[in-house]
Each structure stands twice: as structure tokens, then as C-alpha cells.
Amino acid sequence: SFRATVSQHLLQGFGWNLNRRNITI
């Protein structure tokens, strides 16, 4: 069996700056 899943946050957890905040800090 082979399975590929792509998920994308639409509200909470969405955004470049939000997910890279620890890098900025």
C-alpha cells in the first residue's frame, strides 16, 4: 500500500511568519 497526504492549515497555524517565529527569536 502507498499513501501520500498533504495537509494545510487554513486558520490557526497558517502563515510564514507564524511558523518561523522561533527562527526570528
PDBML (XML) file of the C-alpha atoms, coordinates in Angstrom:
<?xml version="1.0" encoding="UTF-8" ?>
<PDBx:datablock datablockName="MODEL"
   xmlns:PDBx="http://pdbml.pdb.org/schema/pdbx-v50.xsd"
   xmlns:xsi="http://www.w3.org/2001/XMLSchema-instance"
   xsi:schemaLocation="http://pdbml.pdb.org/schema/pdbx-v50.xsd pdbx-v50.xsd">
   <PDBx:atom_siteCategory>
      <PDBx:atom_site id="1">
         <PDBx:B_iso_or_equiv>0.00</PDBx:B_iso_or_equiv>
         <PDBx:Cartn_x>0.000</PDBx:Cartn_x>
         <PDBx:Cartn_y>0.000</PDBx:Cartn_y>
         <PDBx:Cartn_z>0.000</PDBx:Cartn_z>
         <PDBx:auth_asym_id>A</PDBx:auth_asym_id>
         <PDBx:auth_atom_id>CA</PDBx:auth_atom_id>
         <PDBx:auth_comp_id>SER</PDBx:auth_comp_id>
         <PDBx:auth_seq_id>1</PDBx:auth_seq_id>
         <PDBx:group_PDB>ATOM</PDBx:group_PDB>
         <PDBx:label_alt_id xsi:nil="true" />
         <PDBx:label_asym_id>A</PDBx:label_asym_id>
         <PDBx:label_atom_id>CA</PDBx:label_atom_id>
         <PDBx:label_comp_id>SER</PDBx:label_comp_id>
         <PDBx:label_entity_id>1</PDBx:label_entity_id>
         <PDBx:label_seq_id>1</PDBx:label_seq_id>
         <PDBx:occupancy>1.00</PDBx:occupancy>
         <PDBx:pdbx_PDB_model_num>1</PDBx:pdbx_PDB_model_num>
         <PDBx:type_symbol>C</PDBx:type_symbol>
      </PDBx:atom_site>
      <PDBx:atom_site id="2">
         <PDBx:B_iso_or_equiv>0.00</PDBx:B_iso_or_equiv>
         <PDBx:Cartn_x>1.161</PDBx:Cartn_x>
         <PDBx:Cartn_y>3.542</PDBx:Cartn_y>
         <PDBx:Cartn_z>-0.755</PDBx:Cartn_z>
         <PDBx:auth_asym_id>A</PDBx:auth_asym_id>
         <PDBx:auth_atom_id>CA</PDBx:auth_atom_id>
         <PDBx:auth_comp_id>PHE</PDBx:auth_comp_id>
         <PDBx:auth_seq_id>2</PDBx:auth_seq_id>
         <PDBx:group_PDB>ATOM</PDBx:group_PDB>
         <PDBx:label_alt_id xsi:nil="true" />
         <PDBx:label_asym_id>A</PDBx:label_asym_id>
         <PDBx:label_atom_id>CA</PDBx:label_atom_id>
         <PDBx:label_comp_id>PHE</PDBx:label_comp_id>
         <PDBx:label_entity_id>1</PDBx:label_entity_id>
         <PDBx:label_seq_id>2</PDBx:label_seq_id>
         <PDBx:occupancy>1.00</PDBx:occupancy>
         <PDBx:pdbx_PDB_model_num>1</PDBx:pdbx_PDB_model_num>
         <PDBx:type_symbol>C</PDBx:type_symbol>
      </PDBx:atom_site>
      <PDBx:atom_site id="3">
         <PDBx:B_iso_or_equiv>0.00</PDBx:B_iso_or_equiv>
         <PDBx:Cartn_x>-0.324</PDBx:Cartn_x>
         <PDBx:Cartn_y>6.655</PDBx:Cartn_y>
         <PDBx:Cartn_z>0.757</PDBx:Cartn_z>
         <PDBx:auth_asym_id>A</PDBx:auth_asym_id>
         <PDBx:auth_atom_id>CA</PDBx:auth_atom_id>
         <PDBx:auth_comp_id>ARG</PDBx:auth_comp_id>
         <PDBx:auth_seq_id>3</PDBx:auth_seq_id>
         <PDBx:group_PDB>ATOM</PDBx:group_PDB>
         <PDBx:label_alt_id xsi:nil="true" />
         <PDBx:label_asym_id>A</PDBx:label_asym_id>
         <PDBx:label_atom_id>CA</PDBx:label_atom_id>
         <PDBx:label_comp_id>ARG</PDBx:label_comp_id>
         <PDBx:label_entity_id>1</PDBx:label_entity_id>
         <PDBx:label_seq_id>3</PDBx:label_seq_id>
         <PDBx:occupancy>1.00</PDBx:occupancy>
         <PDBx:pdbx_PDB_model_num>1</PDBx:pdbx_PDB_model_num>
         <PDBx:type_symbol>C</PDBx:type_symbol>
      </PDBx:atom_site>
      <PDBx:atom_site id="4">
         <PDBx:B_iso_or_equiv>0.00</PDBx:B_iso_or_equiv>
         <PDBx:Cartn_x>0.604</PDBx:Cartn_x>
         <PDBx:Cartn_y>10.332</PDBx:Cartn_y>
         <PDBx:Cartn_z>0.332</PDBx:Cartn_z>
         <PDBx:auth_asym_id>A</PDBx:auth_asym_id>
         <PDBx:auth_atom_id>CA</PDBx:auth_atom_id>
         <PDBx:auth_comp_id>ALA</PDBx:auth_comp_id>
         <PDBx:auth_seq_id>4</PDBx:auth_seq_id>
         <PDBx:group_PDB>ATOM</PDBx:group_PDB>
         <PDBx:label_alt_id xsi:nil="true" />
         <PDBx:label_asym_id>A</PDBx:label_asym_id>
         <PDBx:label_atom_id>CA</PDBx:label_atom_id>
         <PDBx:label_comp_id>ALA</PDBx:label_comp_id>
         <PDBx:label_entity_id>1</PDBx:label_entity_id>
         <PDBx:label_seq_id>4</PDBx:label_seq_id>
         <PDBx:occupancy>1.00</PDBx:occupancy>
         <PDBx:pdbx_PDB_model_num>1</PDBx:pdbx_PDB_model_num>
         <PDBx:type_symbol>C</PDBx:type_symbol>
      </PDBx:atom_site>
      <PDBx:atom_site id="5">
         <PDBx:B_iso_or_equiv>0.00</PDBx:B_iso_or_equiv>
         <PDBx:Cartn_x>-1.117</PDBx:Cartn_x>
         <PDBx:Cartn_y>13.029</PDBx:Cartn_y>
         <PDBx:Cartn_z>2.378</PDBx:Cartn_z>
         <PDBx:auth_asym_id>A</PDBx:auth_asym_id>
         <PDBx:auth_atom_id>CA</PDBx:auth_atom_id>
         <PDBx:auth_comp_id>THR</PDBx:auth_comp_id>
         <PDBx:auth_seq_id>5</PDBx:auth_seq_id>
         <PDBx:group_PDB>ATOM</PDBx:group_PDB>
         <PDBx:label_alt_id xsi:nil="true" />
         <PDBx:label_asym_id>A</PDBx:label_asym_id>
         <PDBx:label_atom_id>CA</PDBx:label_atom_id>
         <PDBx:label_comp_id>THR</PDBx:label_comp_id>
         <PDBx:label_entity_id>1</PDBx:label_entity_id>
         <PDBx:label_seq_id>5</PDBx:label_seq_id>
         <PDBx:occupancy>1.00</PDBx:occupancy>
         <PDBx:pdbx_PDB_model_num>1</PDBx:pdbx_PDB_model_num>
         <PDBx:type_symbol>C</PDBx:type_symbol>
      </PDBx:atom_site>
      <PDBx:atom_site id="6">
         <PDBx:B_iso_or_equiv>0.00</PDBx:B_iso_or_equiv>
         <PDBx:Cartn_x>-0.754</PDBx:Cartn_x>
         <PDBx:Cartn_y>16.809</PDBx:Cartn_y>
         <PDBx:Cartn_z>2.134</PDBx:Cartn_z>
         <PDBx:auth_asym_id>A</PDBx:auth_asym_id>
         <PDBx:auth_atom_id>CA</PDBx:auth_atom_id>
         <PDBx:auth_comp_id>VAL</PDBx:auth_comp_id>
         <PDBx:auth_seq_id>6</PDBx:auth_seq_id>
         <PDBx:group_PDB>ATOM</PDBx:group_PDB>
         <PDBx:label_alt_id xsi:nil="true" />
         <PDBx:label_asym_id>A</PDBx:label_asym_id>
         <PDBx:label_atom_id>CA</PDBx:label_atom_id>
         <PDBx:label_comp_id>VAL</PDBx:label_comp_id>
         <PDBx:label_entity_id>1</PDBx:label_entity_id>
         <PDBx:label_seq_id>6</PDBx:label_seq_id>
         <PDBx:occupancy>1.00</PDBx:occupancy>
         <PDBx:pdbx_PDB_model_num>1</PDBx:pdbx_PDB_model_num>
         <PDBx:type_symbol>C</PDBx:type_symbol>
      </PDBx:atom_site>
      <PDBx:atom_site id="7">
         <PDBx:B_iso_or_equiv>0.00</PDBx:B_iso_or_equiv>
         <PDBx:Cartn_x>-2.441</PDBx:Cartn_x>
         <PDBx:Cartn_y>18.926</PDBx:Cartn_y>
         <PDBx:Cartn_z>4.804</PDBx:Cartn_z>
         <PDBx:auth_asym_id>A</PDBx:auth_asym_id>
         <PDBx:auth_atom_id>CA</PDBx:auth_atom_id>
         <PDBx:auth_comp_id>SER</PDBx:auth_comp_id>
         <PDBx:auth_seq_id>7</PDBx:auth_seq_id>
         <PDBx:group_PDB>ATOM</PDBx:group_PDB>
         <PDBx:label_alt_id xsi:nil="true" />
         <PDBx:label_asym_id>A</PDBx:label_asym_id>
         <PDBx:label_atom_id>CA</PDBx:label_atom_id>
         <PDBx:label_comp_id>SER</PDBx:label_comp_id>
         <PDBx:label_entity_id>1</PDBx:label_entity_id>
         <PDBx:label_seq_id>7</PDBx:label_seq_id>
         <PDBx:occupancy>1.00</PDBx:occupancy>
         <PDBx:pdbx_PDB_model_num>1</PDBx:pdbx_PDB_model_num>
         <PDBx:type_symbol>C</PDBx:type_symbol>
      </PDBx:atom_site>
      <PDBx:atom_site id="8">
         <PDBx:B_iso_or_equiv>0.00</PDBx:B_iso_or_equiv>
         <PDBx:Cartn_x>-2.584</PDBx:Cartn_x>
         <PDBx:Cartn_y>22.712</PDBx:Cartn_y>
         <PDBx:Cartn_z>5.041</PDBx:Cartn_z>
         <PDBx:auth_asym_id>A</PDBx:auth_asym_id>
         <PDBx:auth_atom_id>CA</PDBx:auth_atom_id>
         <PDBx:auth_comp_id>GLN</PDBx:auth_comp_id>
         <PDBx:auth_seq_id>8</PDBx:auth_seq_id>
         <PDBx:group_PDB>ATOM</PDBx:group_PDB>
         <PDBx:label_alt_id xsi:nil="true" />
         <PDBx:label_asym_id>A</PDBx:label_asym_id>
         <PDBx:label_atom_id>CA</PDBx:label_atom_id>
         <PDBx:label_comp_id>GLN</PDBx:label_comp_id>
         <PDBx:label_entity_id>1</PDBx:label_entity_id>
         <PDBx:label_seq_id>8</PDBx:label_seq_id>
         <PDBx:occupancy>1.00</PDBx:occupancy>
         <PDBx:pdbx_PDB_model_num>1</PDBx:pdbx_PDB_model_num>
         <PDBx:type_symbol>C</PDBx:type_symbol>
      </PDBx:atom_site>
      <PDBx:atom_site id="9">
         <PDBx:B_iso_or_equiv>0.00</PDBx:B_iso_or_equiv>
         <PDBx:Cartn_x>-3.650</PDBx:Cartn_x>
         <PDBx:Cartn_y>24.878</PDBx:Cartn_y>
         <PDBx:Cartn_z>7.981</PDBx:Cartn_z>
         <PDBx:auth_asym_id>A</PDBx:auth_asym_id>
         <PDBx:auth_atom_id>CA</PDBx:auth_atom_id>
         <PDBx:auth_comp_id>HIS</PDBx:auth_comp_id>
         <PDBx:auth_seq_id>9</PDBx:auth_seq_id>
         <PDBx:group_PDB>ATOM</PDBx:group_PDB>
         <PDBx:label_alt_id xsi:nil="true" />
         <PDBx:label_asym_id>A</PDBx:label_asym_id>
         <PDBx:label_atom_id>CA</PDBx:label_atom_id>
         <PDBx:label_comp_id>HIS</PDBx:label_comp_id>
         <PDBx:label_entity_id>1</PDBx:label_entity_id>
         <PDBx:label_seq_id>9</PDBx:label_seq_id>
         <PDBx:occupancy>1.00</PDBx:occupancy>
         <PDBx:pdbx_PDB_model_num>1</PDBx:pdbx_PDB_model_num>
         <PDBx:type_symbol>C</PDBx:type_symbol>
      </PDBx:atom_site>
      <PDBx:atom_site id="10">
         <PDBx:B_iso_or_equiv>0.00</PDBx:B_iso_or_equiv>
         <PDBx:Cartn_x>-6.184</PDBx:Cartn_x>
         <PDBx:Cartn_y>27.443</PDBx:Cartn_y>
         <PDBx:Cartn_z>6.875</PDBx:Cartn_z>
         <PDBx:auth_asym_id>A</PDBx:auth_asym_id>
         <PDBx:auth_atom_id>CA</PDBx:auth_atom_id>
         <PDBx:auth_comp_id>LEU</PDBx:auth_comp_id>
         <PDBx:auth_seq_id>10</PDBx:auth_seq_id>
         <PDBx:group_PDB>ATOM</PDBx:group_PDB>
         <PDBx:label_alt_id xsi:nil="true" />
         <PDBx:label_asym_id>A</PDBx:label_asym_id>
         <PDBx:label_atom_id>CA</PDBx:label_atom_id>
         <PDBx:label_comp_id>LEU</PDBx:label_comp_id>
         <PDBx:label_entity_id>1</PDBx:label_entity_id>
         <PDBx:label_seq_id>10</PDBx:label_seq_id>
         <PDBx:occupancy>1.00</PDBx:occupancy>
         <PDBx:pdbx_PDB_model_num>1</PDBx:pdbx_PDB_model_num>
         <PDBx:type_symbol>C</PDBx:type_symbol>
      </PDBx:atom_site>
      <PDBx:atom_site id="11">
         <PDBx:B_iso_or_equiv>0.00</PDBx:B_iso_or_equiv>
         <PDBx:Cartn_x>-6.677</PDBx:Cartn_x>
         <PDBx:Cartn_y>29.394</PDBx:Cartn_y>
         <PDBx:Cartn_z>10.108</PDBx:Cartn_z>
         <PDBx:auth_asym_id>A</PDBx:auth_asym_id>
         <PDBx:auth_atom_id>CA</PDBx:auth_atom_id>
         <PDBx:auth_comp_id>LEU</PDBx:auth_comp_id>
         <PDBx:auth_seq_id>11</PDBx:auth_seq_id>
         <PDBx:group_PDB>ATOM</PDBx:group_PDB>
         <PDBx:label_alt_id xsi:nil="true" />
         <PDBx:label_asym_id>A</PDBx:label_asym_id>
         <PDBx:label_atom_id>CA</PDBx:label_atom_id>
         <PDBx:label_comp_id>LEU</PDBx:label_comp_id>
         <PDBx:label_entity_id>1</PDBx:label_entity_id>
         <PDBx:label_seq_id>11</PDBx:label_seq_id>
         <PDBx:occupancy>1.00</PDBx:occupancy>
         <PDBx:pdbx_PDB_model_num>1</PDBx:pdbx_PDB_model_num>
         <PDBx:type_symbol>C</PDBx:type_symbol>
      </PDBx:atom_site>
      <PDBx:atom_site id="12">
         <PDBx:B_iso_or_equiv>0.00</PDBx:B_iso_or_equiv>
         <PDBx:Cartn_x>-4.575</PDBx:Cartn_x>
         <PDBx:Cartn_y>28.552</PDBx:Cartn_y>
         <PDBx:Cartn_z>13.162</PDBx:Cartn_z>
         <PDBx:auth_asym_id>A</PDBx:auth_asym_id>
         <PDBx:auth_atom_id>CA</PDBx:auth_atom_id>
         <PDBx:auth_comp_id>GLN</PDBx:auth_comp_id>
         <PDBx:auth_seq_id>12</PDBx:auth_seq_id>
         <PDBx:group_PDB>ATOM</PDBx:group_PDB>
         <PDBx:label_alt_id xsi:nil="true" />
         <PDBx:label_asym_id>A</PDBx:label_asym_id>
         <PDBx:label_atom_id>CA</PDBx:label_atom_id>
         <PDBx:label_comp_id>GLN</PDBx:label_comp_id>
         <PDBx:label_entity_id>1</PDBx:label_entity_id>
         <PDBx:label_seq_id>12</PDBx:label_seq_id>
         <PDBx:occupancy>1.00</PDBx:occupancy>
         <PDBx:pdbx_PDB_model_num>1</PDBx:pdbx_PDB_model_num>
         <PDBx:type_symbol>C</PDBx:type_symbol>
      </PDBx:atom_site>
      <PDBx:atom_site id="13">
         <PDBx:B_iso_or_equiv>0.00</PDBx:B_iso_or_equiv>
         <PDBx:Cartn_x>-1.077</PDBx:Cartn_x>
         <PDBx:Cartn_y>27.554</PDBx:Cartn_y>
         <PDBx:Cartn_z>12.140</PDBx:Cartn_z>
         <PDBx:auth_asym_id>A</PDBx:auth_asym_id>
         <PDBx:auth_atom_id>CA</PDBx:auth_atom_id>
         <PDBx:auth_comp_id>GLY</PDBx:auth_comp_id>
         <PDBx:auth_seq_id>13</PDBx:auth_seq_id>
         <PDBx:group_PDB>ATOM</PDBx:group_PDB>
         <PDBx:label_alt_id xsi:nil="true" />
         <PDBx:label_asym_id>A</PDBx:label_asym_id>
         <PDBx:label_atom_id>CA</PDBx:label_atom_id>
         <PDBx:label_comp_id>GLY</PDBx:label_comp_id>
         <PDBx:label_entity_id>1</PDBx:label_entity_id>
         <PDBx:label_seq_id>13</PDBx:label_seq_id>
         <PDBx:occupancy>1.00</PDBx:occupancy>
         <PDBx:pdbx_PDB_model_num>1</PDBx:pdbx_PDB_model_num>
         <PDBx:type_symbol>C</PDBx:type_symbol>
      </PDBx:atom_site>
      <PDBx:atom_site id="14">
         <PDBx:B_iso_or_equiv>0.00</PDBx:B_iso_or_equiv>
         <PDBx:Cartn_x>-1.234</PDBx:Cartn_x>
         <PDBx:Cartn_y>29.280</PDBx:Cartn_y>
         <PDBx:Cartn_z>8.756</PDBx:Cartn_z>
         <PDBx:auth_asym_id>A</PDBx:auth_asym_id>
         <PDBx:auth_atom_id>CA</PDBx:auth_atom_id>
         <PDBx:auth_comp_id>PHE</PDBx:auth_comp_id>
         <PDBx:auth_seq_id>14</PDBx:auth_seq_id>
         <PDBx:group_PDB>ATOM</PDBx:group_PDB>
         <PDBx:label_alt_id xsi:nil="true" />
         <PDBx:label_asym_id>A</PDBx:label_asym_id>
         <PDBx:label_atom_id>CA</PDBx:label_atom_id>
         <PDBx:label_comp_id>PHE</PDBx:label_comp_id>
         <PDBx:label_entity_id>1</PDBx:label_entity_id>
         <PDBx:label_seq_id>14</PDBx:label_seq_id>
         <PDBx:occupancy>1.00</PDBx:occupancy>
         <PDBx:pdbx_PDB_model_num>1</PDBx:pdbx_PDB_model_num>
         <PDBx:type_symbol>C</PDBx:type_symbol>
      </PDBx:atom_site>
      <PDBx:atom_site id="15">
         <PDBx:B_iso_or_equiv>0.00</PDBx:B_iso_or_equiv>
         <PDBx:Cartn_x>1.426</PDBx:Cartn_x>
         <PDBx:Cartn_y>31.736</PDBx:Cartn_y>
         <PDBx:Cartn_z>7.684</PDBx:Cartn_z>
         <PDBx:auth_asym_id>A</PDBx:auth_asym_id>
         <PDBx:auth_atom_id>CA</PDBx:auth_atom_id>
         <PDBx:auth_comp_id>GLY</PDBx:auth_comp_id>
         <PDBx:auth_seq_id>15</PDBx:auth_seq_id>
         <PDBx:group_PDB>ATOM</PDBx:group_PDB>
         <PDBx:label_alt_id xsi:nil="true" />
         <PDBx:label_asym_id>A</PDBx:label_asym_id>
         <PDBx:label_atom_id>CA</PDBx:label_atom_id>
         <PDBx:label_comp_id>GLY</PDBx:label_comp_id>
         <PDBx:label_entity_id>1</PDBx:label_entity_id>
         <PDBx:label_seq_id>15</PDBx:label_seq_id>
         <PDBx:occupancy>1.00</PDBx:occupancy>
         <PDBx:pdbx_PDB_model_num>1</PDBx:pdbx_PDB_model_num>
         <PDBx:type_symbol>C</PDBx:type_symbol>
      </PDBx:atom_site>
      <PDBx:atom_site id="16">
         <PDBx:B_iso_or_equiv>0.00</PDBx:B_iso_or_equiv>
         <PDBx:Cartn_x>5.155</PDBx:Cartn_x>
         <PDBx:Cartn_y>32.019</PDBx:Cartn_y>
         <PDBx:Cartn_z>7.018</PDBx:Cartn_z>
         <PDBx:auth_asym_id>A</PDBx:auth_asym_id>
         <PDBx:auth_atom_id>CA</PDBx:auth_atom_id>
         <PDBx:auth_comp_id>TRP</PDBx:auth_comp_id>
         <PDBx:auth_seq_id>16</PDBx:auth_seq_id>
         <PDBx:group_PDB>ATOM</PDBx:group_PDB>
         <PDBx:label_alt_id xsi:nil="true" />
         <PDBx:label_asym_id>A</PDBx:label_asym_id>
         <PDBx:label_atom_id>CA</PDBx:label_atom_id>
         <PDBx:label_comp_id>TRP</PDBx:label_comp_id>
         <PDBx:label_entity_id>1</PDBx:label_entity_id>
         <PDBx:label_seq_id>16</PDBx:label_seq_id>
         <PDBx:occupancy>1.00</PDBx:occupancy>
         <PDBx:pdbx_PDB_model_num>1</PDBx:pdbx_PDB_model_num>
         <PDBx:type_symbol>C</PDBx:type_symbol>
      </PDBx:atom_site>
      <PDBx:atom_site id="17">
         <PDBx:B_iso_or_equiv>0.00</PDBx:B_iso_or_equiv>
         <PDBx:Cartn_x>5.974</PDBx:Cartn_x>
         <PDBx:Cartn_y>34.373</PDBx:Cartn_y>
         <PDBx:Cartn_z>9.881</PDBx:Cartn_z>
         <PDBx:auth_asym_id>A</PDBx:auth_asym_id>
         <PDBx:auth_atom_id>CA</PDBx:auth_atom_id>
         <PDBx:auth_comp_id>ASN</PDBx:auth_comp_id>
         <PDBx:auth_seq_id>17</PDBx:auth_seq_id>
         <PDBx:group_PDB>ATOM</PDBx:group_PDB>
         <PDBx:label_alt_id xsi:nil="true" />
         <PDBx:label_asym_id>A</PDBx:label_asym_id>
         <PDBx:label_atom_id>CA</PDBx:label_atom_id>
         <PDBx:label_comp_id>ASN</PDBx:label_comp_id>
         <PDBx:label_entity_id>1</PDBx:label_entity_id>
         <PDBx:label_seq_id>17</PDBx:label_seq_id>
         <PDBx:occupancy>1.00</PDBx:occupancy>
         <PDBx:pdbx_PDB_model_num>1</PDBx:pdbx_PDB_model_num>
         <PDBx:type_symbol>C</PDBx:type_symbol>
      </PDBx:atom_site>
      <PDBx:atom_site id="18">
         <PDBx:B_iso_or_equiv>0.00</PDBx:B_iso_or_equiv>
         <PDBx:Cartn_x>3.950</PDBx:Cartn_x>
         <PDBx:Cartn_y>32.436</PDBx:Cartn_y>
         <PDBx:Cartn_z>12.425</PDBx:Cartn_z>
         <PDBx:auth_asym_id>A</PDBx:auth_asym_id>
         <PDBx:auth_atom_id>CA</PDBx:auth_atom_id>
         <PDBx:auth_comp_id>LEU</PDBx:auth_comp_id>
         <PDBx:auth_seq_id>18</PDBx:auth_seq_id>
         <PDBx:group_PDB>ATOM</PDBx:group_PDB>
         <PDBx:label_alt_id xsi:nil="true" />
         <PDBx:label_asym_id>A</PDBx:label_asym_id>
         <PDBx:label_atom_id>CA</PDBx:label_atom_id>
         <PDBx:label_comp_id>LEU</PDBx:label_comp_id>
         <PDBx:label_entity_id>1</PDBx:label_entity_id>
         <PDBx:label_seq_id>18</PDBx:label_seq_id>
         <PDBx:occupancy>1.00</PDBx:occupancy>
         <PDBx:pdbx_PDB_model_num>1</PDBx:pdbx_PDB_model_num>
         <PDBx:type_symbol>C</PDBx:type_symbol>
      </PDBx:atom_site>
      <PDBx:atom_site id="19">
         <PDBx:B_iso_or_equiv>0.00</PDBx:B_iso_or_equiv>
         <PDBx:Cartn_x>5.706</PDBx:Cartn_x>
         <PDBx:Cartn_y>29.129</PDBx:Cartn_y>
         <PDBx:Cartn_z>11.844</PDBx:Cartn_z>
         <PDBx:auth_asym_id>A</PDBx:auth_asym_id>
         <PDBx:auth_atom_id>CA</PDBx:auth_atom_id>
         <PDBx:auth_comp_id>ASN</PDBx:auth_comp_id>
         <PDBx:auth_seq_id>19</PDBx:auth_seq_id>
         <PDBx:group_PDB>ATOM</PDBx:group_PDB>
         <PDBx:label_alt_id xsi:nil="true" />
         <PDBx:label_asym_id>A</PDBx:label_asym_id>
         <PDBx:label_atom_id>CA</PDBx:label_atom_id>
         <PDBx:label_comp_id>ASN</PDBx:label_comp_id>
         <PDBx:label_entity_id>1</PDBx:label_entity_id>
         <PDBx:label_seq_id>19</PDBx:label_seq_id>
         <PDBx:occupancy>1.00</PDBx:occupancy>
         <PDBx:pdbx_PDB_model_num>1</PDBx:pdbx_PDB_model_num>
         <PDBx:type_symbol>C</PDBx:type_symbol>
      </PDBx:atom_site>
      <PDBx:atom_site id="20">
         <PDBx:B_iso_or_equiv>0.00</PDBx:B_iso_or_equiv>
         <PDBx:Cartn_x>9.143</PDBx:Cartn_x>
         <PDBx:Cartn_y>30.779</PDBx:Cartn_y>
         <PDBx:Cartn_z>11.640</PDBx:Cartn_z>
         <PDBx:auth_asym_id>A</PDBx:auth_asym_id>
         <PDBx:auth_atom_id>CA</PDBx:auth_atom_id>
         <PDBx:auth_comp_id>ARG</PDBx:auth_comp_id>
         <PDBx:auth_seq_id>20</PDBx:auth_seq_id>
         <PDBx:group_PDB>ATOM</PDBx:group_PDB>
         <PDBx:label_alt_id xsi:nil="true" />
         <PDBx:label_asym_id>A</PDBx:label_asym_id>
         <PDBx:label_atom_id>CA</PDBx:label_atom_id>
         <PDBx:label_comp_id>ARG</PDBx:label_comp_id>
         <PDBx:label_entity_id>1</PDBx:label_entity_id>
         <PDBx:label_seq_id>20</PDBx:label_seq_id>
         <PDBx:occupancy>1.00</PDBx:occupancy>
         <PDBx:pdbx_PDB_model_num>1</PDBx:pdbx_PDB_model_num>
         <PDBx:type_symbol>C</PDBx:type_symbol>
      </PDBx:atom_site>
      <PDBx:atom_site id="21">
         <PDBx:B_iso_or_equiv>0.00</PDBx:B_iso_or_equiv>
         <PDBx:Cartn_x>8.746</PDBx:Cartn_x>
         <PDBx:Cartn_y>32.815</PDBx:Cartn_y>
         <PDBx:Cartn_z>14.825</PDBx:Cartn_z>
         <PDBx:auth_asym_id>A</PDBx:auth_asym_id>
         <PDBx:auth_atom_id>CA</PDBx:auth_atom_id>
         <PDBx:auth_comp_id>ARG</PDBx:auth_comp_id>
         <PDBx:auth_seq_id>21</PDBx:auth_seq_id>
         <PDBx:group_PDB>ATOM</PDBx:group_PDB>
         <PDBx:label_alt_id xsi:nil="true" />
         <PDBx:label_asym_id>A</PDBx:label_asym_id>
         <PDBx:label_atom_id>CA</PDBx:label_atom_id>
         <PDBx:label_comp_id>ARG</PDBx:label_comp_id>
         <PDBx:label_entity_id>1</PDBx:label_entity_id>
         <PDBx:label_seq_id>21</PDBx:label_seq_id>
         <PDBx:occupancy>1.00</PDBx:occupancy>
         <PDBx:pdbx_PDB_model_num>1</PDBx:pdbx_PDB_model_num>
         <PDBx:type_symbol>C</PDBx:type_symbol>
      </PDBx:atom_site>
      <PDBx:atom_site id="22">
         <PDBx:B_iso_or_equiv>0.00</PDBx:B_iso_or_equiv>
         <PDBx:Cartn_x>11.314</PDBx:Cartn_x>
         <PDBx:Cartn_y>30.749</PDBx:Cartn_y>
         <PDBx:Cartn_z>16.724</PDBx:Cartn_z>
         <PDBx:auth_asym_id>A</PDBx:auth_asym_id>
         <PDBx:auth_atom_id>CA</PDBx:auth_atom_id>
         <PDBx:auth_comp_id>ASN</PDBx:auth_comp_id>
         <PDBx:auth_seq_id>22</PDBx:auth_seq_id>
         <PDBx:group_PDB>ATOM</PDBx:group_PDB>
         <PDBx:label_alt_id xsi:nil="true" />
         <PDBx:label_asym_id>A</PDBx:label_asym_id>
         <PDBx:label_atom_id>CA</PDBx:label_atom_id>
         <PDBx:label_comp_id>ASN</PDBx:label_comp_id>
         <PDBx:label_entity_id>1</PDBx:label_entity_id>
         <PDBx:label_seq_id>22</PDBx:label_seq_id>
         <PDBx:occupancy>1.00</PDBx:occupancy>
         <PDBx:pdbx_PDB_model_num>1</PDBx:pdbx_PDB_model_num>
         <PDBx:type_symbol>C</PDBx:type_symbol>
      </PDBx:atom_site>
      <PDBx:atom_site id="23">
         <PDBx:B_iso_or_equiv>0.00</PDBx:B_iso_or_equiv>
         <PDBx:Cartn_x>13.890</PDBx:Cartn_x>
         <PDBx:Cartn_y>31.433</PDBx:Cartn_y>
         <PDBx:Cartn_z>13.998</PDBx:Cartn_z>
         <PDBx:auth_asym_id>A</PDBx:auth_asym_id>
         <PDBx:auth_atom_id>CA</PDBx:auth_atom_id>
         <PDBx:auth_comp_id>ILE</PDBx:auth_comp_id>
         <PDBx:auth_seq_id>23</PDBx:auth_seq_id>
         <PDBx:group_PDB>ATOM</PDBx:group_PDB>
         <PDBx:label_alt_id xsi:nil="true" />
         <PDBx:label_asym_id>A</PDBx:label_asym_id>
         <PDBx:label_atom_id>CA</PDBx:label_atom_id>
         <PDBx:label_comp_id>ILE</PDBx:label_comp_id>
         <PDBx:label_entity_id>1</PDBx:label_entity_id>
         <PDBx:label_seq_id>23</PDBx:label_seq_id>
         <PDBx:occupancy>1.00</PDBx:occupancy>
         <PDBx:pdbx_PDB_model_num>1</PDBx:pdbx_PDB_model_num>
         <PDBx:type_symbol>C</PDBx:type_symbol>
      </PDBx:atom_site>
      <PDBx:atom_site id="24">
         <PDBx:B_iso_or_equiv>0.00</PDBx:B_iso_or_equiv>
         <PDBx:Cartn_x>13.265</PDBx:Cartn_x>
         <PDBx:Cartn_y>35.164</PDBx:Cartn_y>
         <PDBx:Cartn_z>14.344</PDBx:Cartn_z>
         <PDBx:auth_asym_id>A</PDBx:auth_asym_id>
         <PDBx:auth_atom_id>CA</PDBx:auth_atom_id>
         <PDBx:auth_comp_id>THR</PDBx:auth_comp_id>
         <PDBx:auth_seq_id>24</PDBx:auth_seq_id>
         <PDBx:group_PDB>ATOM</PDBx:group_PDB>
         <PDBx:label_alt_id xsi:nil="true" />
         <PDBx:label_asym_id>A</PDBx:label_asym_id>
         <PDBx:label_atom_id>CA</PDBx:label_atom_id>
         <PDBx:label_comp_id>THR</PDBx:label_comp_id>
         <PDBx:label_entity_id>1</PDBx:label_entity_id>
         <PDBx:label_seq_id>24</PDBx:label_seq_id>
         <PDBx:occupancy>1.00</PDBx:occupancy>
         <PDBx:pdbx_PDB_model_num>1</PDBx:pdbx_PDB_model_num>
         <PDBx:type_symbol>C</PDBx:type_symbol>
      </PDBx:atom_site>
      <PDBx:atom_site id="25">
         <PDBx:B_iso_or_equiv>0.00</PDBx:B_iso_or_equiv>
         <PDBx:Cartn_x>13.607</PDBx:Cartn_x>
         <PDBx:Cartn_y>34.953</PDBx:Cartn_y>
         <PDBx:Cartn_z>18.125</PDBx:Cartn_z>
         <PDBx:auth_asym_id>A</PDBx:auth_asym_id>
         <PDBx:auth_atom_id>CA</PDBx:auth_atom_id>
         <PDBx:auth_comp_id>ILE</PDBx:auth_comp_id>
         <PDBx:auth_seq_id>25</PDBx:auth_seq_id>
         <PDBx:group_PDB>ATOM</PDBx:group_PDB>
         <PDBx:label_alt_id xsi:nil="true" />
         <PDBx:label_asym_id>A</PDBx:label_asym_id>
         <PDBx:label_atom_id>CA</PDBx:label_atom_id>
         <PDBx:label_comp_id>ILE</PDBx:label_comp_id>
         <PDBx:label_entity_id>1</PDBx:label_entity_id>
         <PDBx:label_seq_id>25</PDBx:label_seq_id>
         <PDBx:occupancy>1.00</PDBx:occupancy>
         <PDBx:pdbx_PDB_model_num>1</PDBx:pdbx_PDB_model_num>
         <PDBx:type_symbol>C</PDBx:type_symbol>
      </PDBx:atom_site>
   </PDBx:atom_siteCategory>
</PDBx:datablock>
